[in-house]
Amino acid sequence: MPLPPFSVSLPALPINVSLPARPLRLSLPAPPARLLLPALPVPENGEAPV
C-alpha cells in the first residue's frame, strides 16, 4: 500500500496546502482556459484574430 500514503504524503499535502490558489490556476489550464474562452468569443463568432 505504498500508493495511497505516498500520493497523500507529499504531492497531496504540500502541493495543495502549499499554494492551492496560485499553483492550481497557473499549473492547471482549466481556470485560464475558461477565462480565455468567454473573454474572447472566438468559437462563437467563427472569426478568430489569433
N, C-alpha and C. Protein backbone atom coordinates (compact mmCIF):
# COMPACT_ATOMS: atom_id res chain seq x y z
N MET A 1 0.82 -1.22 0.00
CA MET A 1 0.00 0.00 0.00
C MET A 1 0.86 1.27 0.00
N PRO A 2 1.85 1.33 -0.89
CA PRO A 2 2.74 2.49 -0.96
C PRO A 2 2.17 3.58 -1.87
N LEU A 3 1.02 3.34 -2.44
CA LEU A 3 0.42 4.33 -3.34
C LEU A 3 -0.39 5.38 -2.59
N PRO A 4 -1.40 4.98 -1.81
CA PRO A 4 -2.22 5.95 -1.08
C PRO A 4 -1.39 6.85 -0.16
N PRO A 5 -0.56 6.28 0.71
CA PRO A 5 0.22 7.09 1.66
C PRO A 5 1.24 7.97 0.94
N PHE A 6 1.77 7.48 -0.17
CA PHE A 6 2.79 8.25 -0.89
C PHE A 6 2.18 9.46 -1.59
N SER A 7 1.07 9.23 -2.27
CA SER A 7 0.44 10.32 -3.00
C SER A 7 -0.21 11.32 -2.03
N VAL A 8 -0.61 10.82 -0.88
CA VAL A 8 -1.27 11.69 0.11
C VAL A 8 -0.24 12.25 1.07
N SER A 9 0.99 11.76 0.96
CA SER A 9 2.03 12.19 1.90
C SER A 9 2.69 13.47 1.38
N LEU A 10 3.27 13.41 0.18
CA LEU A 10 3.99 14.58 -0.33
C LEU A 10 3.22 15.37 -1.38
N PRO A 11 2.90 14.78 -2.53
CA PRO A 11 2.29 15.54 -3.62
C PRO A 11 0.87 15.99 -3.32
N ALA A 12 0.29 15.51 -2.25
CA ALA A 12 -1.09 15.87 -1.93
C ALA A 12 -1.14 17.02 -0.92
N LEU A 13 -0.43 16.86 0.17
CA LEU A 13 -0.46 17.88 1.23
C LEU A 13 0.34 19.13 0.87
N PRO A 14 1.63 18.99 0.56
CA PRO A 14 2.47 20.15 0.30
C PRO A 14 2.01 20.94 -0.93
N ILE A 15 1.56 20.26 -1.94
CA ILE A 15 1.16 20.95 -3.18
C ILE A 15 -0.17 21.67 -2.99
N ASN A 16 -1.13 20.96 -2.41
CA ASN A 16 -2.46 21.56 -2.22
C ASN A 16 -2.46 22.54 -1.05
N VAL A 17 -1.71 22.21 0.00
CA VAL A 17 -1.70 23.05 1.20
C VAL A 17 -0.67 24.18 1.06
N SER A 18 0.28 23.97 0.14
CA SER A 18 1.32 24.98 -0.03
C SER A 18 0.72 26.23 -0.66
N LEU A 19 0.32 26.13 -1.92
CA LEU A 19 -0.33 27.26 -2.60
C LEU A 19 -1.43 26.72 -3.52
N PRO A 20 -2.60 26.48 -2.97
CA PRO A 20 -3.71 25.90 -3.73
C PRO A 20 -4.40 26.90 -4.64
N ALA A 21 -4.03 28.15 -4.52
CA ALA A 21 -4.69 29.18 -5.32
C ALA A 21 -3.84 29.56 -6.54
N ARG A 22 -2.58 29.88 -6.31
CA ARG A 22 -1.71 30.32 -7.41
C ARG A 22 -1.25 29.15 -8.29
N PRO A 23 -0.66 28.11 -7.69
CA PRO A 23 -0.15 26.98 -8.49
C PRO A 23 -1.25 26.26 -9.25
N LEU A 24 -2.42 26.17 -8.64
CA LEU A 24 -3.53 25.47 -9.30
C LEU A 24 -3.96 26.23 -10.56
N ARG A 25 -4.06 27.53 -10.45
CA ARG A 25 -4.51 28.33 -11.60
C ARG A 25 -3.43 28.41 -12.67
N LEU A 26 -2.16 28.47 -12.22
CA LEU A 26 -1.07 28.57 -13.18
C LEU A 26 -0.69 27.19 -13.72
N SER A 27 -0.85 26.16 -12.89
CA SER A 27 -0.48 24.81 -13.30
C SER A 27 -1.58 24.20 -14.16
N LEU A 28 -2.79 24.17 -13.63
CA LEU A 28 -3.91 23.57 -14.38
C LEU A 28 -4.47 24.57 -15.40
N PRO A 29 -4.53 24.16 -16.65
CA PRO A 29 -5.06 25.02 -17.72
C PRO A 29 -6.58 25.02 -17.75
N ALA A 30 -7.20 24.84 -16.59
CA ALA A 30 -8.67 24.81 -16.54
C ALA A 30 -9.23 26.23 -16.31
N PRO A 31 -8.83 26.90 -15.23
CA PRO A 31 -9.30 28.26 -14.95
C PRO A 31 -8.94 29.23 -16.09
N PRO A 32 -7.69 29.26 -16.54
CA PRO A 32 -7.28 30.18 -17.60
C PRO A 32 -8.03 29.90 -18.90
N ALA A 33 -8.30 28.63 -19.18
CA ALA A 33 -8.99 28.26 -20.42
C ALA A 33 -10.42 28.80 -20.38
N ARG A 34 -11.06 28.66 -19.23
CA ARG A 34 -12.45 29.13 -19.10
C ARG A 34 -12.51 30.65 -19.16
N LEU A 35 -11.47 31.29 -18.64
CA LEU A 35 -11.45 32.76 -18.63
C LEU A 35 -11.11 33.30 -20.02
N LEU A 36 -10.32 32.53 -20.77
CA LEU A 36 -9.91 32.98 -22.10
C LEU A 36 -11.04 32.76 -23.11
N LEU A 37 -11.80 31.68 -22.93
CA LEU A 37 -12.88 31.37 -23.87
C LEU A 37 -14.00 32.42 -23.81
N PRO A 38 -14.57 32.66 -22.63
CA PRO A 38 -15.66 33.64 -22.51
C PRO A 38 -15.17 35.06 -22.76
N ALA A 39 -13.89 35.30 -22.51
CA ALA A 39 -13.34 36.64 -22.70
C ALA A 39 -13.25 36.96 -24.20
N LEU A 40 -12.76 35.99 -24.97
CA LEU A 40 -12.65 36.17 -26.42
C LEU A 40 -13.59 35.21 -27.14
N PRO A 41 -14.72 35.70 -27.61
CA PRO A 41 -15.72 34.86 -28.30
C PRO A 41 -15.22 34.44 -29.67
N VAL A 42 -14.23 33.56 -29.69
CA VAL A 42 -13.65 33.11 -30.96
C VAL A 42 -14.51 32.01 -31.60
N PRO A 43 -14.80 30.93 -30.85
CA PRO A 43 -15.58 29.82 -31.41
C PRO A 43 -17.03 30.24 -31.67
N GLU A 44 -17.49 31.27 -30.98
CA GLU A 44 -18.87 31.71 -31.14
C GLU A 44 -19.03 32.54 -32.43
N ASN A 45 -18.11 33.46 -32.66
CA ASN A 45 -18.18 34.30 -33.87
C ASN A 45 -17.71 33.53 -35.09
N GLY A 46 -16.66 32.74 -34.90
CA GLY A 46 -16.14 31.95 -36.02
C GLY A 46 -14.89 32.61 -36.59
N GLU A 47 -14.76 33.92 -36.39
CA GLU A 47 -13.58 34.61 -36.90
C GLU A 47 -12.61 34.91 -35.76
N ALA A 48 -11.50 34.16 -35.72
CA ALA A 48 -10.52 34.33 -34.65
C ALA A 48 -9.36 35.21 -35.13
N PRO A 49 -9.07 36.29 -34.41
CA PRO A 49 -7.97 37.20 -34.78
C PRO A 49 -6.61 36.58 -34.49
N VAL A 50 -6.61 35.46 -33.77
CA VAL A 50 -5.34 34.80 -33.43
C VAL A 50 -5.03 33.75 -34.47
